[in-house]
């Protein structure tokens, strides 16, 4: 099961934000309340690393995949 990050939504100025993680099925609805405090929460979208087939060539600078390449303009093989 995936691990999702949530954070409380401040309801007053300068209120501390609490971040926490919850193991949930992808089918489960997102939480709307903090299980500990009952405060409203939002799911945090965090960056991950996804390597698509063919990206390894761009990572090493030895690209054998023709442009355009999904790795972007910072690629060593497709400046």
N, C-alpha and C. Protein backbone atom coordinates (compact mmCIF):
# COMPACT_ATOMS: atom_id res chain seq x y z
N UNK A 1 0.84 -1.18 0.00
CA UNK A 1 0.00 0.00 0.00
C UNK A 1 0.88 1.24 0.00
N UNK A 2 0.48 2.27 -0.75
CA UNK A 2 1.25 3.51 -0.79
C UNK A 2 1.20 4.27 0.53
N UNK A 3 2.22 5.06 0.74
CA UNK A 3 2.33 5.92 1.92
C UNK A 3 2.05 7.34 1.46
N UNK A 4 1.01 7.97 1.99
CA UNK A 4 0.63 9.33 1.59
C UNK A 4 1.01 10.32 2.68
N UNK A 5 1.45 11.51 2.25
CA UNK A 5 1.78 12.58 3.18
C UNK A 5 0.61 13.55 3.24
N UNK A 6 0.32 14.00 4.44
CA UNK A 6 -0.73 14.99 4.67
C UNK A 6 -0.16 16.09 5.54
N UNK A 7 -0.82 17.26 5.49
CA UNK A 7 -0.49 18.34 6.40
C UNK A 7 -1.77 19.03 6.83
N UNK A 8 -1.74 19.52 8.07
CA UNK A 8 -2.91 20.24 8.56
C UNK A 8 -3.00 21.59 7.86
N UNK A 9 -4.21 22.08 7.70
CA UNK A 9 -4.45 23.38 7.09
C UNK A 9 -4.67 24.37 8.22
N UNK A 10 -3.79 25.37 8.33
CA UNK A 10 -3.94 26.34 9.43
C UNK A 10 -5.29 27.06 9.34
N UNK A 11 -5.93 27.20 10.48
CA UNK A 11 -7.23 27.88 10.54
C UNK A 11 -7.11 29.28 11.13
N UNK A 12 -5.96 29.56 11.77
CA UNK A 12 -5.68 30.90 12.30
C UNK A 12 -4.25 31.26 11.91
N UNK A 13 -3.95 32.57 11.81
CA UNK A 13 -2.59 32.99 11.45
C UNK A 13 -1.55 32.44 12.44
N UNK A 14 -0.40 32.09 11.91
CA UNK A 14 0.75 31.58 12.69
C UNK A 14 0.51 30.23 13.36
N UNK A 15 -0.54 29.53 12.95
CA UNK A 15 -0.78 28.19 13.50
C UNK A 15 0.24 27.21 12.90
N UNK A 16 0.81 26.37 13.71
CA UNK A 16 1.80 25.39 13.24
C UNK A 16 1.13 24.35 12.35
N UNK A 17 1.86 23.95 11.32
CA UNK A 17 1.38 22.92 10.41
C UNK A 17 1.99 21.59 10.84
N UNK A 18 1.16 20.57 10.94
CA UNK A 18 1.65 19.24 11.30
C UNK A 18 1.63 18.37 10.06
N UNK A 19 2.77 17.76 9.75
CA UNK A 19 2.84 16.82 8.62
C UNK A 19 2.90 15.40 9.18
N UNK A 20 2.20 14.50 8.48
CA UNK A 20 2.20 13.11 8.90
C UNK A 20 1.97 12.23 7.69
N UNK A 21 2.26 10.96 7.85
CA UNK A 21 2.10 9.99 6.77
C UNK A 21 1.08 8.93 7.15
N UNK A 22 0.35 8.47 6.13
CA UNK A 22 -0.67 7.44 6.35
C UNK A 22 -0.57 6.42 5.24
N UNK A 23 -0.56 5.15 5.61
CA UNK A 23 -0.59 4.07 4.62
C UNK A 23 -2.04 3.86 4.21
N UNK A 24 -2.31 4.02 2.90
CA UNK A 24 -3.67 3.88 2.40
C UNK A 24 -3.65 3.14 1.07
N UNK A 25 -4.73 2.49 0.78
CA UNK A 25 -4.92 1.90 -0.53
C UNK A 25 -5.15 3.03 -1.52
N UNK A 26 -4.80 2.81 -2.77
CA UNK A 26 -5.04 3.82 -3.80
C UNK A 26 -6.54 4.04 -3.99
N UNK A 27 -7.34 3.07 -3.60
CA UNK A 27 -8.79 3.16 -3.73
C UNK A 27 -9.43 3.97 -2.60
N UNK A 28 -8.71 4.15 -1.49
CA UNK A 28 -9.26 4.88 -0.35
C UNK A 28 -9.36 6.37 -0.67
N UNK A 29 -10.42 7.02 -0.20
CA UNK A 29 -10.51 8.47 -0.40
C UNK A 29 -9.45 9.18 0.45
N UNK A 30 -9.04 10.36 -0.01
CA UNK A 30 -8.07 11.16 0.74
C UNK A 30 -8.68 11.57 2.08
N UNK A 31 -7.83 11.67 3.10
CA UNK A 31 -8.30 12.12 4.41
C UNK A 31 -8.72 13.58 4.32
N UNK A 32 -9.66 13.97 5.13
CA UNK A 32 -10.08 15.36 5.22
C UNK A 32 -9.80 15.94 6.61
N UNK A 33 -9.54 15.05 7.58
CA UNK A 33 -9.28 15.46 8.97
C UNK A 33 -8.07 14.71 9.52
N UNK A 34 -7.31 15.39 10.36
CA UNK A 34 -6.17 14.79 11.07
C UNK A 34 -6.72 13.77 12.06
N UNK A 35 -6.25 12.52 11.98
CA UNK A 35 -6.76 11.50 12.91
C UNK A 35 -6.48 11.82 14.38
N UNK A 36 -5.43 12.60 14.66
CA UNK A 36 -5.10 12.93 16.05
C UNK A 36 -5.85 14.15 16.58
N UNK A 37 -5.89 15.22 15.78
CA UNK A 37 -6.46 16.47 16.28
C UNK A 37 -7.84 16.81 15.71
N UNK A 38 -8.21 16.20 14.60
CA UNK A 38 -9.48 16.51 13.97
C UNK A 38 -9.43 17.75 13.09
N UNK A 39 -8.26 18.39 12.98
CA UNK A 39 -8.12 19.59 12.14
C UNK A 39 -8.20 19.20 10.67
N UNK A 40 -8.62 20.14 9.81
CA UNK A 40 -8.67 19.85 8.38
C UNK A 40 -7.26 19.62 7.82
N UNK A 41 -7.17 18.71 6.85
CA UNK A 41 -5.89 18.38 6.24
C UNK A 41 -5.98 18.37 4.72
N UNK A 42 -4.81 18.43 4.09
CA UNK A 42 -4.72 18.27 2.63
C UNK A 42 -3.60 17.28 2.36
N UNK A 43 -3.74 16.57 1.26
CA UNK A 43 -2.71 15.62 0.84
C UNK A 43 -1.58 16.41 0.21
N UNK A 44 -0.35 16.06 0.56
CA UNK A 44 0.82 16.74 0.04
C UNK A 44 1.35 15.93 -1.14
N UNK A 45 1.53 16.60 -2.26
CA UNK A 45 2.11 15.95 -3.43
C UNK A 45 3.60 16.18 -3.37
N UNK A 46 4.34 15.12 -3.19
CA UNK A 46 5.79 15.25 -3.11
C UNK A 46 6.43 14.70 -4.38
N UNK A 47 7.57 15.24 -4.70
CA UNK A 47 8.26 14.81 -5.91
C UNK A 47 8.90 13.45 -5.73
N UNK A 48 8.90 12.71 -6.76
CA UNK A 48 9.56 11.42 -6.78
C UNK A 48 10.43 11.35 -8.01
N UNK A 49 11.07 10.28 -8.21
CA UNK A 49 11.90 10.11 -9.38
C UNK A 49 11.34 8.97 -10.20
N UNK A 50 11.02 9.27 -11.43
CA UNK A 50 10.48 8.27 -12.33
C UNK A 50 11.43 8.14 -13.50
N UNK A 51 11.94 6.96 -13.72
CA UNK A 51 12.84 6.75 -14.84
C UNK A 51 12.08 5.99 -15.91
N UNK A 52 11.93 6.63 -17.05
CA UNK A 52 11.26 6.00 -18.17
C UNK A 52 12.27 5.25 -19.01
N UNK A 53 11.81 4.27 -19.73
CA UNK A 53 12.70 3.50 -20.60
C UNK A 53 13.38 4.47 -21.56
N UNK A 54 14.69 4.40 -21.62
CA UNK A 54 15.46 5.27 -22.49
C UNK A 54 16.08 6.44 -21.75
N UNK A 55 15.60 6.76 -20.56
CA UNK A 55 16.17 7.88 -19.81
C UNK A 55 17.59 7.62 -19.35
N UNK A 56 17.97 6.37 -19.14
CA UNK A 56 19.29 6.06 -18.61
C UNK A 56 20.38 6.60 -19.52
N UNK A 57 20.17 6.59 -20.82
CA UNK A 57 21.16 7.13 -21.73
C UNK A 57 21.40 8.61 -21.49
N UNK A 58 20.34 9.35 -21.22
CA UNK A 58 20.49 10.77 -20.95
C UNK A 58 21.15 11.00 -19.60
N UNK A 59 20.88 10.14 -18.65
CA UNK A 59 21.50 10.28 -17.33
C UNK A 59 23.02 10.16 -17.43
N UNK A 60 23.49 9.29 -18.29
CA UNK A 60 24.93 9.05 -18.39
C UNK A 60 25.59 9.91 -19.45
N UNK A 61 24.79 10.60 -20.27
CA UNK A 61 25.35 11.41 -21.33
C UNK A 61 25.63 10.59 -22.58
N UNK A 62 25.28 9.32 -22.58
CA UNK A 62 25.53 8.45 -23.73
C UNK A 62 24.18 8.11 -24.35
N UNK A 63 23.49 9.12 -24.80
CA UNK A 63 22.12 8.94 -25.27
C UNK A 63 22.08 8.22 -26.61
N UNK A 64 21.32 7.16 -26.66
CA UNK A 64 21.11 6.44 -27.90
C UNK A 64 19.65 6.52 -28.33
N UNK A 65 18.90 7.41 -27.67
CA UNK A 65 17.49 7.59 -27.98
C UNK A 65 17.33 8.89 -28.75
N UNK A 66 16.70 8.87 -29.92
CA UNK A 66 16.58 10.09 -30.70
C UNK A 66 15.75 11.16 -30.00
N UNK A 67 16.06 12.43 -30.26
CA UNK A 67 15.28 13.56 -29.73
C UNK A 67 13.92 13.57 -30.41
N UNK A 68 12.86 14.10 -29.84
CA UNK A 68 12.82 14.71 -28.52
C UNK A 68 12.81 13.66 -27.43
N UNK A 69 13.46 13.98 -26.37
CA UNK A 69 13.66 13.06 -25.25
C UNK A 69 12.89 13.58 -24.03
N UNK A 70 12.20 12.73 -23.26
CA UNK A 70 11.40 13.19 -22.13
C UNK A 70 12.21 13.73 -20.97
N UNK A 71 13.53 13.65 -21.02
CA UNK A 71 14.35 14.10 -19.90
C UNK A 71 14.56 15.61 -19.92
N UNK A 72 14.12 16.32 -20.93
CA UNK A 72 14.15 17.77 -20.92
C UNK A 72 15.37 18.37 -21.55
N UNK A 73 15.45 19.68 -21.47
CA UNK A 73 16.51 20.41 -22.16
C UNK A 73 17.84 20.35 -21.44
N UNK A 74 17.88 19.86 -20.22
CA UNK A 74 19.14 19.82 -19.47
C UNK A 74 19.94 18.55 -19.75
N UNK A 75 19.49 17.73 -20.67
CA UNK A 75 20.17 16.49 -21.00
C UNK A 75 21.53 16.75 -21.62
N UNK A 76 22.49 15.94 -21.26
CA UNK A 76 23.81 16.05 -21.85
C UNK A 76 23.79 15.70 -23.33
N UNK A 77 22.88 14.83 -23.73
CA UNK A 77 22.84 14.38 -25.11
C UNK A 77 21.93 15.23 -25.99
N UNK A 78 21.04 16.02 -25.38
CA UNK A 78 20.15 16.90 -26.14
C UNK A 78 20.16 18.29 -25.50
N UNK A 79 21.28 19.02 -25.63
CA UNK A 79 21.34 20.33 -24.95
C UNK A 79 20.34 21.32 -25.50
